[in-house]
Amino acid sequence: MAKEAKDLILIADDDPVICGALSAGLRARGFAVAVAVDVVQTMMAIRRTPPAAMILDIMMPGGTGLEVLRRIKALSSMQGIPVLAVSASTDGTLPEQTAALGADAFLHKPLDLDEVFRTLCRLLGRPLEPPPTI
C-alpha cells in the first residue's frame, strides 16, 4: 500500500463543477487534491494513495457514498481516514446514516468552500488559516 499523503484530500463526486471549485479552493489553501468520479475510482484512489481526508458525495455512479463508507470503515487500514460526507439529497436521515457508518462530518449541498475548509481543518487537527486573497 502506498504511503499516506499528509495533506492529500480525495474529492469523490461526479459533478465536474463541484470538483473543480473544491479542487481550486483547497489547492489555494495548501492541500493536494485527487478526484474520483464514481465508486470504483474512489476505492482505487484510496487504495493507491490513502488520503489525509476525503470529501464523499453520497450519490455517485456505480454505487453510493454509503457503500464507500461501509467498505473503507470495514478495512482497518482505512478506518482512520476522516470522511466529510456531502449530499444534495433532502433526506433528513442522511447525516445520521453517514455518522452511523463512520463519517466524521456531513454538509448539505450547495457547499460553501469556507465551511468545507473549516470542517477539513477540524477533522485533520490543522490550524485554520485565513483564506487566500485573490
Foldseek 3Di string as FASTA:
>chain_A
DDEADLQEEEEEAQDPVVVVVLCVQSVQVPGHYDYHQALVSVVVVCVVHNYQEYEAEQDGPPHGSLVVLQVQCVDPVRLLHAYEYEYQDPPPCVQVSSVVSRHPHYDYPPDDSLVVQVVVCVSNVHDDDDGDDD
